């Protein structure tokens, strides 16, 4: 029986130290760590490696449920997979309490609390959308700044080549390859002109 830790942060600028310290304090012999968004499970290589390597009697320990799964369904599916393998999950901080899925109450708690966490994330998203709509009404929301303006040399070159396609006989794909400006960016710039 091995006690594995899993620590994750969403971006390279964030620090794993606090999670690693918690996992070490709780007896984790091996800690899988990564800096990757939790939204796409396929890109969480360390997480997938951990799930593949655990076996009957092992335990996975995480600092918080949101480091382990991004949605209720994701959490429940992964926990079901671990249960089938005979692997337990311990979440060190679920609303201030430790939750252990090897117990009946732990299974119930994880289901309820992961549902609440997903609900909270949905509410935050809704408030964000409402805030953006209000900011747009007030004229203060500008959105994501454009990466390429008409003063960008590469885009200028691409637009020039695009305008002269009849004489230069270049396709949009060829123009994109030459200027390193994507087709979508080029078409958007043409449309804006």
N, C-alpha and C. Protein backbone atom coordinates (compact mmCIF):
# COMPACT_ATOMS: atom_id res chain seq x y z
N UNK A 1 0.84 -1.19 0.00
CA UNK A 1 0.00 0.00 0.00
C UNK A 1 0.89 1.25 0.00
N UNK A 2 0.66 2.11 -0.98
CA UNK A 2 1.44 3.34 -1.11
C UNK A 2 0.50 4.53 -0.97
N UNK A 3 0.99 5.56 -0.32
CA UNK A 3 0.23 6.81 -0.19
C UNK A 3 0.84 7.82 -1.16
N UNK A 4 0.08 8.13 -2.21
CA UNK A 4 0.52 9.06 -3.24
C UNK A 4 -0.07 10.45 -2.99
N UNK A 5 0.69 11.47 -3.30
CA UNK A 5 0.17 12.84 -3.25
C UNK A 5 0.03 13.37 -4.65
N UNK A 6 -0.92 14.27 -4.83
CA UNK A 6 -1.07 14.94 -6.13
C UNK A 6 -1.23 16.43 -5.86
N UNK A 7 -0.33 17.22 -6.43
CA UNK A 7 -0.36 18.68 -6.28
C UNK A 7 -0.42 19.29 -7.67
N UNK A 8 -1.31 20.28 -7.81
CA UNK A 8 -1.44 20.93 -9.12
C UNK A 8 -1.78 22.41 -8.93
N UNK A 9 -1.18 23.23 -9.76
CA UNK A 9 -1.59 24.62 -9.90
C UNK A 9 -1.91 24.85 -11.37
N UNK A 10 -2.69 25.89 -11.64
CA UNK A 10 -3.19 26.09 -13.00
C UNK A 10 -2.22 26.77 -13.94
N UNK A 11 -1.26 27.52 -13.40
CA UNK A 11 -0.34 28.22 -14.30
C UNK A 11 1.09 28.14 -13.78
N UNK A 12 2.02 28.39 -14.68
CA UNK A 12 3.44 28.28 -14.34
C UNK A 12 3.87 29.32 -13.32
N UNK A 13 3.12 30.42 -13.19
CA UNK A 13 3.47 31.46 -12.23
C UNK A 13 3.08 31.13 -10.79
N UNK A 14 2.27 30.10 -10.62
CA UNK A 14 1.82 29.72 -9.28
C UNK A 14 2.79 28.75 -8.64
N UNK A 15 2.72 28.64 -7.30
CA UNK A 15 3.68 27.85 -6.55
C UNK A 15 3.01 26.61 -5.94
N UNK A 16 3.70 25.49 -6.00
CA UNK A 16 3.20 24.22 -5.46
C UNK A 16 3.64 23.95 -4.02
N UNK A 17 4.48 24.79 -3.46
CA UNK A 17 5.11 24.52 -2.17
C UNK A 17 4.12 24.20 -1.06
N UNK A 18 3.07 25.02 -0.91
CA UNK A 18 2.10 24.81 0.18
C UNK A 18 1.44 23.44 0.06
N UNK A 19 1.03 23.07 -1.16
CA UNK A 19 0.40 21.76 -1.36
C UNK A 19 1.38 20.63 -1.06
N UNK A 20 2.59 20.76 -1.54
CA UNK A 20 3.59 19.70 -1.33
C UNK A 20 3.87 19.53 0.16
N UNK A 21 3.96 20.65 0.89
CA UNK A 21 4.17 20.57 2.34
C UNK A 21 3.03 19.83 3.03
N UNK A 22 1.79 20.13 2.65
CA UNK A 22 0.63 19.45 3.24
C UNK A 22 0.68 17.95 2.95
N UNK A 23 0.99 17.61 1.72
CA UNK A 23 1.01 16.20 1.32
C UNK A 23 2.12 15.45 2.04
N UNK A 24 3.27 16.08 2.20
CA UNK A 24 4.39 15.47 2.92
C UNK A 24 4.01 15.24 4.38
N UNK A 25 3.36 16.25 4.99
CA UNK A 25 2.93 16.13 6.39
C UNK A 25 1.94 14.97 6.59
N UNK A 26 1.18 14.64 5.55
CA UNK A 26 0.21 13.56 5.64
C UNK A 26 0.74 12.23 5.11
N UNK A 27 2.06 12.10 5.11
CA UNK A 27 2.69 10.81 4.87
C UNK A 27 2.77 10.34 3.43
N UNK A 28 2.65 11.24 2.47
CA UNK A 28 2.75 10.83 1.06
C UNK A 28 4.19 10.45 0.75
N UNK A 29 4.35 9.25 0.23
CA UNK A 29 5.67 8.74 -0.10
C UNK A 29 6.13 9.21 -1.48
N UNK A 30 5.18 9.35 -2.39
CA UNK A 30 5.46 9.79 -3.75
C UNK A 30 4.47 10.91 -4.06
N UNK A 31 4.98 12.03 -4.60
CA UNK A 31 4.10 13.16 -4.93
C UNK A 31 4.21 13.46 -6.42
N UNK A 32 3.08 13.40 -7.08
CA UNK A 32 2.98 13.78 -8.48
C UNK A 32 2.61 15.26 -8.50
N UNK A 33 3.35 16.06 -9.27
CA UNK A 33 3.08 17.49 -9.29
C UNK A 33 3.12 18.02 -10.72
N UNK A 34 2.24 18.99 -10.97
CA UNK A 34 2.24 19.60 -12.30
C UNK A 34 1.64 20.99 -12.28
N UNK A 35 2.01 21.74 -13.30
CA UNK A 35 1.47 23.08 -13.50
C UNK A 35 0.70 23.03 -14.81
N UNK A 36 -0.61 22.80 -14.68
CA UNK A 36 -1.46 22.65 -15.86
C UNK A 36 -2.89 22.97 -15.49
N UNK A 37 -3.64 23.48 -16.44
CA UNK A 37 -5.05 23.76 -16.21
C UNK A 37 -5.79 22.45 -15.95
N UNK A 38 -6.77 22.50 -15.07
CA UNK A 38 -7.54 21.30 -14.78
C UNK A 38 -8.66 21.05 -15.76
N UNK A 39 -8.89 21.99 -16.65
CA UNK A 39 -10.02 21.87 -17.57
C UNK A 39 -9.89 20.71 -18.55
N UNK A 40 -8.69 20.48 -19.04
CA UNK A 40 -8.50 19.41 -20.01
C UNK A 40 -7.69 18.29 -19.39
N UNK A 41 -8.39 17.22 -19.06
CA UNK A 41 -7.76 16.09 -18.37
C UNK A 41 -6.62 15.47 -19.18
N UNK A 42 -6.76 15.49 -20.50
CA UNK A 42 -5.73 14.89 -21.37
C UNK A 42 -4.38 15.58 -21.21
N UNK A 43 -4.39 16.87 -20.89
CA UNK A 43 -3.14 17.63 -20.76
C UNK A 43 -2.53 17.52 -19.37
N UNK A 44 -3.23 16.87 -18.45
CA UNK A 44 -2.70 16.67 -17.11
C UNK A 44 -1.94 15.35 -17.07
N UNK A 45 -0.74 15.37 -17.62
CA UNK A 45 0.05 14.14 -17.81
C UNK A 45 0.37 13.46 -16.48
N UNK A 46 0.77 14.23 -15.47
CA UNK A 46 1.13 13.64 -14.17
C UNK A 46 -0.09 13.00 -13.50
N UNK A 47 -1.23 13.67 -13.61
CA UNK A 47 -2.47 13.13 -13.04
C UNK A 47 -2.81 11.79 -13.70
N UNK A 48 -2.76 11.77 -15.02
CA UNK A 48 -3.07 10.54 -15.75
C UNK A 48 -2.09 9.43 -15.43
N UNK A 49 -0.82 9.78 -15.27
CA UNK A 49 0.21 8.80 -14.90
C UNK A 49 -0.08 8.23 -13.51
N UNK A 50 -0.47 9.11 -12.58
CA UNK A 50 -0.82 8.68 -11.23
C UNK A 50 -1.98 7.69 -11.25
N UNK A 51 -3.05 8.05 -11.94
CA UNK A 51 -4.24 7.18 -11.99
C UNK A 51 -3.90 5.83 -12.62
N UNK A 52 -3.01 5.82 -13.62
CA UNK A 52 -2.60 4.56 -14.25
C UNK A 52 -1.77 3.70 -13.30
N UNK A 53 -0.94 4.33 -12.46
CA UNK A 53 0.01 3.59 -11.63
C UNK A 53 -0.54 3.08 -10.30
N UNK A 54 -1.62 3.66 -9.81
CA UNK A 54 -2.14 3.21 -8.50
C UNK A 54 -2.77 1.83 -8.63
N UNK A 55 -2.73 1.10 -7.51
CA UNK A 55 -3.33 -0.24 -7.51
C UNK A 55 -4.01 -0.50 -6.17
N UNK A 56 -4.63 -1.64 -6.09
CA UNK A 56 -5.41 -2.06 -4.91
C UNK A 56 -4.71 -1.68 -3.60
N UNK A 57 -5.44 -0.97 -2.73
CA UNK A 57 -4.93 -0.62 -1.41
C UNK A 57 -4.19 0.70 -1.35
N UNK A 58 -3.85 1.27 -2.51
CA UNK A 58 -3.16 2.57 -2.52
C UNK A 58 -4.14 3.68 -2.14
N UNK A 59 -3.58 4.81 -1.74
CA UNK A 59 -4.38 5.98 -1.40
C UNK A 59 -3.77 7.19 -2.10
N UNK A 60 -4.65 8.02 -2.66
CA UNK A 60 -4.24 9.28 -3.26
C UNK A 60 -4.68 10.39 -2.31
N UNK A 61 -3.76 11.32 -2.03
CA UNK A 61 -4.07 12.44 -1.14
C UNK A 61 -3.92 13.73 -1.95
N UNK A 62 -4.93 14.61 -1.84
CA UNK A 62 -4.87 15.93 -2.48
C UNK A 62 -5.21 16.99 -1.43
N UNK A 63 -4.66 18.19 -1.63
CA UNK A 63 -4.91 19.27 -0.67
C UNK A 63 -6.36 19.73 -0.74
N UNK A 64 -6.87 19.91 -1.96
CA UNK A 64 -8.25 20.36 -2.16
C UNK A 64 -8.84 19.62 -3.35
N UNK A 65 -10.15 19.49 -3.37
CA UNK A 65 -10.82 18.76 -4.45
C UNK A 65 -10.62 19.44 -5.80
N UNK A 66 -10.60 20.78 -5.83
CA UNK A 66 -10.45 21.46 -7.11
C UNK A 66 -9.08 21.26 -7.74
N UNK A 67 -8.11 20.78 -6.98
CA UNK A 67 -6.80 20.42 -7.54
C UNK A 67 -6.89 19.06 -8.23
N UNK A 68 -7.88 18.27 -7.86
CA UNK A 68 -8.06 16.90 -8.33
C UNK A 68 -9.02 16.82 -9.52
N UNK A 69 -10.11 17.61 -9.46
CA UNK A 69 -11.15 17.55 -10.50
C UNK A 69 -11.76 18.93 -10.70
N UNK A 70 -12.24 19.19 -11.93
CA UNK A 70 -12.79 20.51 -12.24
C UNK A 70 -14.31 20.56 -12.19
N UNK A 71 -14.96 19.43 -12.10
CA UNK A 71 -16.43 19.44 -12.05
C UNK A 71 -16.89 18.26 -11.21
N UNK A 72 -18.15 18.32 -10.81
CA UNK A 72 -18.72 17.22 -10.04
C UNK A 72 -18.62 15.93 -10.82
N UNK A 73 -19.00 15.99 -12.09
CA UNK A 73 -18.98 14.77 -12.91
C UNK A 73 -17.57 14.22 -13.05
N UNK A 74 -16.62 15.11 -13.26
CA UNK A 74 -15.22 14.69 -13.37
C UNK A 74 -14.76 14.02 -12.07
N UNK A 75 -15.08 14.65 -10.94
CA UNK A 75 -14.69 14.09 -9.64
C UNK A 75 -15.33 12.72 -9.43
N UNK A 76 -16.63 12.63 -9.68
CA UNK A 76 -17.35 11.37 -9.44
C UNK A 76 -16.86 10.26 -10.37
N UNK A 77 -16.60 10.60 -11.63
CA UNK A 77 -16.09 9.59 -12.58
C UNK A 77 -14.72 9.07 -12.15
N UNK A 78 -13.84 10.00 -11.74
CA UNK A 78 -12.50 9.60 -11.33
C UNK A 78 -12.54 8.79 -10.04
N UNK A 79 -13.39 9.21 -9.10
CA UNK A 79 -13.52 8.48 -7.83
C UNK A 79 -14.07 7.07 -8.10
N UNK A 80 -15.04 6.96 -9.02
CA UNK A 80 -15.58 5.64 -9.37
C UNK A 80 -14.49 4.75 -9.96
N UNK A 81 -13.66 5.33 -10.83
CA UNK A 81 -12.54 4.59 -11.42
C UNK A 81 -11.58 4.11 -10.32
N UNK A 82 -11.27 5.01 -9.39
CA UNK A 82 -10.37 4.65 -8.28
C UNK A 82 -11.00 3.57 -7.40
N UNK A 83 -12.30 3.70 -7.13
CA UNK A 83 -13.00 2.69 -6.33
C UNK A 83 -12.92 1.31 -6.99
N UNK A 84 -13.10 1.29 -8.33
CA UNK A 84 -13.01 0.03 -9.07
C UNK A 84 -11.63 -0.60 -8.94
N UNK A 85 -10.60 0.25 -8.81
CA UNK A 85 -9.23 -0.25 -8.66
C UNK A 85 -8.89 -0.54 -7.20
N UNK A 86 -9.83 -0.23 -6.29
CA UNK A 86 -9.57 -0.45 -4.86
C UNK A 86 -8.66 0.62 -4.27
N UNK A 87 -8.71 1.83 -4.85
CA UNK A 87 -7.86 2.94 -4.42
C UNK A 87 -8.71 3.99 -3.70
N UNK A 88 -8.22 4.47 -2.56
CA UNK A 88 -8.93 5.48 -1.80
C UNK A 88 -8.44 6.88 -2.16
N UNK A 89 -9.27 7.87 -1.84
CA UNK A 89 -8.92 9.27 -2.06
C UNK A 89 -9.14 10.02 -0.75
N UNK A 90 -8.15 10.80 -0.35
CA UNK A 90 -8.29 11.66 0.82
C UNK A 90 -8.11 13.10 0.36
N UNK A 91 -9.12 13.93 0.67
CA UNK A 91 -9.05 15.36 0.39
C UNK A 91 -8.82 16.05 1.72
N UNK A 92 -7.69 16.74 1.85
CA UNK A 92 -7.30 17.31 3.13
C UNK A 92 -8.15 18.50 3.56
N UNK A 93 -8.66 19.27 2.60
CA UNK A 93 -9.44 20.44 2.97
C UNK A 93 -10.70 20.52 2.13
N UNK A 94 -11.78 19.99 2.68
CA UNK A 94 -13.10 20.09 2.06
C UNK A 94 -13.96 20.87 3.03
N UNK A 95 -13.99 22.18 2.88
CA UNK A 95 -14.76 23.01 3.79
C UNK A 95 -14.19 22.95 5.20
N UNK A 96 -12.89 22.77 5.31
CA UNK A 96 -12.25 22.74 6.61
C UNK A 96 -12.09 21.34 7.18
N UNK A 97 -12.73 20.36 6.59
CA UNK A 97 -12.65 18.98 7.08
C UNK A 97 -11.86 18.10 6.11
N UNK A 98 -11.34 17.00 6.65
CA UNK A 98 -10.67 15.99 5.82
C UNK A 98 -11.71 14.97 5.41
N UNK A 99 -11.71 14.61 4.12
CA UNK A 99 -12.69 13.64 3.61
C UNK A 99 -11.94 12.44 3.05
N UNK A 100 -12.38 11.26 3.44
CA UNK A 100 -11.75 10.01 3.03
C UNK A 100 -12.78 9.16 2.32
N UNK A 101 -12.59 8.91 1.01
CA UNK A 101 -13.58 8.16 0.22
C UNK A 101 -13.60 6.67 0.51
N UNK A 102 -12.71 6.21 1.37
CA UNK A 102 -12.76 4.79 1.73
C UNK A 102 -13.84 4.53 2.76
N UNK A 103 -14.46 5.61 3.28
CA UNK A 103 -15.56 5.46 4.24
C UNK A 103 -16.88 5.85 3.57
N UNK A 104 -18.00 5.32 4.08
CA UNK A 104 -19.31 5.63 3.51
C UNK A 104 -19.62 7.12 3.63
N UNK A 105 -19.36 7.69 4.80
CA UNK A 105 -19.63 9.12 4.99
C UNK A 105 -18.73 9.96 4.10
N UNK A 106 -17.52 9.51 3.88
CA UNK A 106 -16.60 10.21 2.99
C UNK A 106 -17.11 10.25 1.56
N UNK A 107 -17.67 9.13 1.10
CA UNK A 107 -18.24 9.07 -0.25
C UNK A 107 -19.40 10.04 -0.39
N UNK A 108 -20.27 10.08 0.63
CA UNK A 108 -21.41 10.99 0.61
C UNK A 108 -20.93 12.44 0.61
N UNK A 109 -19.98 12.74 1.49
CA UNK A 109 -19.47 14.11 1.62
C UNK A 109 -18.84 14.59 0.31
N UNK A 110 -18.07 13.75 -0.33
CA UNK A 110 -17.38 14.16 -1.55
C UNK A 110 -18.38 14.45 -2.66
N UNK A 111 -19.46 13.66 -2.74
CA UNK A 111 -20.49 13.87 -3.75
C UNK A 111 -21.20 15.20 -3.53
N UNK A 112 -21.61 15.45 -2.29
CA UNK A 112 -22.33 16.68 -1.97
C UNK A 112 -21.42 17.90 -2.14
N UNK A 113 -20.23 17.84 -1.60
CA UNK A 113 -19.35 19.00 -1.64
C UNK A 113 -18.82 19.30 -3.03
N UNK A 114 -18.60 18.28 -3.85
CA UNK A 114 -18.15 18.56 -5.22
C UNK A 114 -19.29 19.21 -6.01
N UNK A 115 -20.54 18.84 -5.71
CA UNK A 115 -21.70 19.48 -6.33
C UNK A 115 -21.78 20.95 -5.95
N UNK A 116 -21.54 21.24 -4.68
CA UNK A 116 -21.56 22.62 -4.20
C UNK A 116 -20.42 23.42 -4.85
N UNK A 117 -19.25 22.83 -4.96
CA UNK A 117 -18.11 23.52 -5.58
C UNK A 117 -18.40 23.85 -7.03
N UNK A 118 -19.03 22.93 -7.76
CA UNK A 118 -19.36 23.19 -9.15
C UNK A 118 -20.42 24.29 -9.25
N UNK A 119 -21.41 24.26 -8.35
CA UNK A 119 -22.44 25.29 -8.31
C UNK A 119 -21.80 26.66 -8.08
N UNK A 120 -20.87 26.72 -7.15
CA UNK A 120 -20.18 27.98 -6.84
C UNK A 120 -19.40 28.49 -8.06
N UNK A 121 -18.72 27.60 -8.76
CA UNK A 121 -17.97 27.99 -9.95
C UNK A 121 -18.92 28.52 -11.04
N UNK A 122 -20.08 27.87 -11.19
CA UNK A 122 -21.07 28.33 -12.16
C UNK A 122 -21.60 29.72 -11.80
N UNK A 123 -21.82 29.95 -10.50
CA UNK A 123 -22.30 31.26 -10.04
C UNK A 123 -21.26 32.34 -10.31
N UNK A 124 -20.00 32.04 -10.10
CA UNK A 124 -18.92 33.00 -10.37
C UNK A 124 -18.90 33.35 -11.86
N UNK A 125 -19.05 32.31 -12.71
CA UNK A 125 -19.07 32.54 -14.16
C UNK A 125 -20.25 33.43 -14.55
N UNK A 126 -21.43 33.16 -13.97
CA UNK A 126 -22.61 33.97 -14.27
C UNK A 126 -22.40 35.42 -13.85
N UNK A 127 -21.84 35.63 -12.66
CA UNK A 127 -21.59 37.00 -12.19
C UNK A 127 -20.58 37.69 -13.10
N UNK A 128 -19.58 36.95 -13.57
CA UNK A 128 -18.59 37.51 -14.46
C UNK A 128 -19.24 37.96 -15.77
N UNK A 129 -20.11 37.13 -16.33
CA UNK A 129 -20.80 37.46 -17.58
C UNK A 129 -21.68 38.69 -17.39
N UNK A 130 -22.40 38.73 -16.24
CA UNK A 130 -23.25 39.89 -15.95
C UNK A 130 -22.40 41.15 -15.81
N UNK A 131 -21.26 41.04 -15.13
CA UNK A 131 -20.36 42.18 -14.95
C UNK A 131 -19.83 42.70 -16.27
N UNK A 132 -19.48 41.79 -17.18
CA UNK A 132 -18.99 42.19 -18.50
C UNK A 132 -20.09 42.91 -19.28
N UNK A 133 -21.33 42.38 -19.20
CA UNK A 133 -22.45 43.01 -19.90
C UNK A 133 -22.69 44.43 -19.38
N UNK A 134 -22.64 44.60 -18.05
CA UNK A 134 -22.82 45.94 -17.47
C UNK A 134 -21.68 46.88 -17.87
N UNK A 135 -20.46 46.36 -17.88
CA UNK A 135 -19.31 47.17 -18.28
C UNK A 135 -19.43 47.60 -19.74
N UNK A 136 -19.93 46.71 -20.59
CA UNK A 136 -20.13 47.06 -22.00
C UNK A 136 -21.17 48.16 -22.14
N UNK A 137 -22.26 48.07 -21.33
CA UNK A 137 -23.30 49.10 -21.36
C UNK A 137 -22.74 50.47 -20.96
N UNK A 138 -21.84 50.47 -19.99
CA UNK A 138 -21.24 51.72 -19.52
C UNK A 138 -20.11 52.19 -20.45
N UNK A 139 -19.71 51.31 -21.40
CA UNK A 139 -18.66 51.66 -22.34
C UNK A 139 -17.25 51.54 -21.77
N UNK A 140 -17.10 50.80 -20.68
CA UNK A 140 -15.78 50.67 -20.07
C UNK A 140 -15.11 49.33 -20.33
N UNK A 141 -15.83 48.39 -20.94
CA UNK A 141 -15.25 47.07 -21.22
C UNK A 141 -14.69 47.07 -22.62
N UNK A 142 -13.43 46.82 -22.74
CA UNK A 142 -12.77 46.83 -24.05
C UNK A 142 -12.51 45.43 -24.58
N UNK A 143 -12.62 44.41 -23.72
CA UNK A 143 -12.32 43.05 -24.15
C UNK A 143 -10.83 42.80 -24.21
N UNK A 144 -10.48 41.67 -24.76
CA UNK A 144 -9.07 41.29 -24.88
C UNK A 144 -8.38 42.21 -25.89
N UNK A 145 -7.22 42.75 -25.53
CA UNK A 145 -6.53 43.63 -26.49
C UNK A 145 -6.09 42.84 -27.73
N UNK A 146 -6.14 43.52 -28.87
CA UNK A 146 -5.76 42.87 -30.12
C UNK A 146 -4.25 42.64 -30.13
N UNK A 147 -3.87 41.45 -30.55
CA UNK A 147 -2.45 41.11 -30.63
C UNK A 147 -1.82 41.78 -31.85
N UNK A 148 -2.60 41.80 -32.93
CA UNK A 148 -2.09 42.37 -34.18
C UNK A 148 -2.90 43.61 -34.53
N UNK A 149 -2.25 44.74 -34.67
CA UNK A 149 -2.90 45.95 -35.16
C UNK A 149 -2.43 46.15 -36.59
N UNK A 150 -3.03 47.13 -37.25
CA UNK A 150 -2.63 47.37 -38.65
C UNK A 150 -1.20 47.89 -38.73
N UNK A 151 -0.61 48.30 -37.60
CA UNK A 151 0.78 48.76 -37.58
C UNK A 151 1.78 47.60 -37.40
N UNK A 152 1.27 46.39 -37.19
CA UNK A 152 2.13 45.22 -37.03
C UNK A 152 2.74 44.89 -38.40
N UNK A 153 4.07 44.83 -38.44
CA UNK A 153 4.78 44.63 -39.72
C UNK A 153 4.36 43.36 -40.45
N UNK A 154 4.22 42.26 -39.70
CA UNK A 154 3.83 40.99 -40.31
C UNK A 154 2.43 41.06 -40.90
N UNK A 155 1.52 41.70 -40.17
CA UNK A 155 0.15 41.83 -40.67
C UNK A 155 0.09 42.79 -41.85
N UNK A 156 0.87 43.87 -41.78
CA UNK A 156 0.95 44.80 -42.91
C UNK A 156 1.39 44.07 -44.18
N UNK A 157 2.43 43.25 -44.03
CA UNK A 157 2.95 42.48 -45.17
C UNK A 157 1.89 41.51 -45.68
N UNK A 158 1.21 40.83 -44.76
CA UNK A 158 0.18 39.86 -45.14
C UNK A 158 -0.97 40.56 -45.88
N UNK A 159 -1.37 41.73 -45.40
CA UNK A 159 -2.46 42.47 -46.06
C UNK A 159 -2.04 42.94 -47.46
N UNK A 160 -0.81 43.36 -47.56
CA UNK A 160 -0.29 43.80 -48.86
C UNK A 160 -0.29 42.63 -49.85
N UNK A 161 0.21 41.48 -49.41
CA UNK A 161 0.21 40.28 -50.27
C UNK A 161 -1.21 39.86 -50.62
N UNK A 162 -2.13 39.97 -49.64
CA UNK A 162 -3.52 39.59 -49.85
C UNK A 162 -4.16 40.48 -50.93
N UNK A 163 -3.89 41.80 -50.84
CA UNK A 163 -4.45 42.75 -51.82
C UNK A 163 -3.94 42.48 -53.24
N UNK A 164 -2.70 42.00 -53.32
CA UNK A 164 -2.06 41.80 -54.64
C UNK A 164 -2.09 40.33 -55.08
N UNK A 165 -3.06 39.59 -54.63
CA UNK A 165 -3.12 38.16 -55.00
C UNK A 165 -3.25 37.91 -56.49
N UNK A 166 -3.92 38.82 -57.20
CA UNK A 166 -4.08 38.62 -58.64
C UNK A 166 -2.74 38.65 -59.36
N UNK A 167 -1.85 39.50 -58.91
CA UNK A 167 -0.54 39.60 -59.57
C UNK A 167 0.48 38.63 -58.98
N UNK A 168 0.45 38.43 -57.69
CA UNK A 168 1.47 37.55 -57.08
C UNK A 168 1.06 36.07 -57.09
N UNK A 169 -0.19 35.80 -57.39
CA UNK A 169 -0.71 34.41 -57.53
C UNK A 169 -0.54 33.57 -56.24
N UNK A 170 -0.50 34.23 -55.09
CA UNK A 170 -0.36 33.51 -53.81
C UNK A 170 -1.72 33.15 -53.24
N UNK A 171 -1.80 31.98 -52.63
CA UNK A 171 -3.02 31.59 -51.92
C UNK A 171 -2.95 32.15 -50.50
N UNK A 172 -4.09 32.13 -49.81
CA UNK A 172 -4.12 32.61 -48.43
C UNK A 172 -3.22 31.74 -47.55
N UNK A 173 -3.19 30.44 -47.80
CA UNK A 173 -2.31 29.55 -47.04
C UNK A 173 -0.84 29.92 -47.25
N UNK A 174 -0.48 30.22 -48.48
CA UNK A 174 0.91 30.60 -48.77
C UNK A 174 1.26 31.92 -48.08
N UNK A 175 0.32 32.87 -48.10
CA UNK A 175 0.54 34.16 -47.43
C UNK A 175 0.73 33.94 -45.93
N UNK A 176 -0.08 33.07 -45.36
CA UNK A 176 0.04 32.74 -43.93
C UNK A 176 1.40 32.13 -43.62
N UNK A 177 1.86 31.23 -44.47
CA UNK A 177 3.17 30.60 -44.28
C UNK A 177 4.31 31.62 -44.38
N UNK A 178 4.22 32.50 -45.34
CA UNK A 178 5.28 33.49 -45.56
C UNK A 178 5.35 34.49 -44.40
N UNK A 179 4.18 34.97 -43.95
CA UNK A 179 4.15 36.07 -42.96
C UNK A 179 4.00 35.59 -41.52
N UNK A 180 3.70 34.30 -41.35
CA UNK A 180 3.45 33.74 -40.01
C UNK A 180 2.24 34.39 -39.34
N UNK A 181 1.29 34.85 -40.14
CA UNK A 181 0.02 35.40 -39.66
C UNK A 181 -1.05 34.36 -40.01
N UNK A 182 -1.83 33.95 -39.03
CA UNK A 182 -2.81 32.89 -39.28
C UNK A 182 -3.87 33.35 -40.28
N UNK A 183 -4.49 32.38 -40.91
CA UNK A 183 -5.57 32.67 -41.86
C UNK A 183 -6.68 33.46 -41.18
N UNK A 184 -7.06 33.02 -39.96
CA UNK A 184 -8.15 33.67 -39.24
C UNK A 184 -7.83 35.14 -38.96
N UNK A 185 -6.58 35.41 -38.52
CA UNK A 185 -6.17 36.79 -38.25
C UNK A 185 -6.20 37.61 -39.53
N UNK A 186 -5.72 37.03 -40.61
CA UNK A 186 -5.69 37.73 -41.88
C UNK A 186 -7.11 38.06 -42.36
N UNK A 187 -8.00 37.05 -42.32
CA UNK A 187 -9.39 37.28 -42.75
C UNK A 187 -10.07 38.32 -41.86
N UNK A 188 -9.79 38.28 -40.55
CA UNK A 188 -10.38 39.25 -39.62
C UNK A 188 -9.90 40.66 -39.96
N UNK A 189 -8.61 40.80 -40.27
CA UNK A 189 -8.06 42.11 -40.62
C UNK A 189 -8.65 42.62 -41.93
N UNK A 190 -8.82 41.73 -42.89
CA UNK A 190 -9.42 42.10 -44.18
C UNK A 190 -10.86 42.57 -43.96
N UNK A 191 -11.58 41.84 -43.14
CA UNK A 191 -12.97 42.18 -42.84
C UNK A 191 -13.07 43.55 -42.15
N UNK A 192 -12.14 43.81 -41.23
CA UNK A 192 -12.14 45.08 -40.49
C UNK A 192 -11.80 46.29 -41.37
N UNK A 193 -11.14 46.03 -42.51
CA UNK A 193 -10.69 47.16 -43.37
C UNK A 193 -11.82 47.78 -44.13
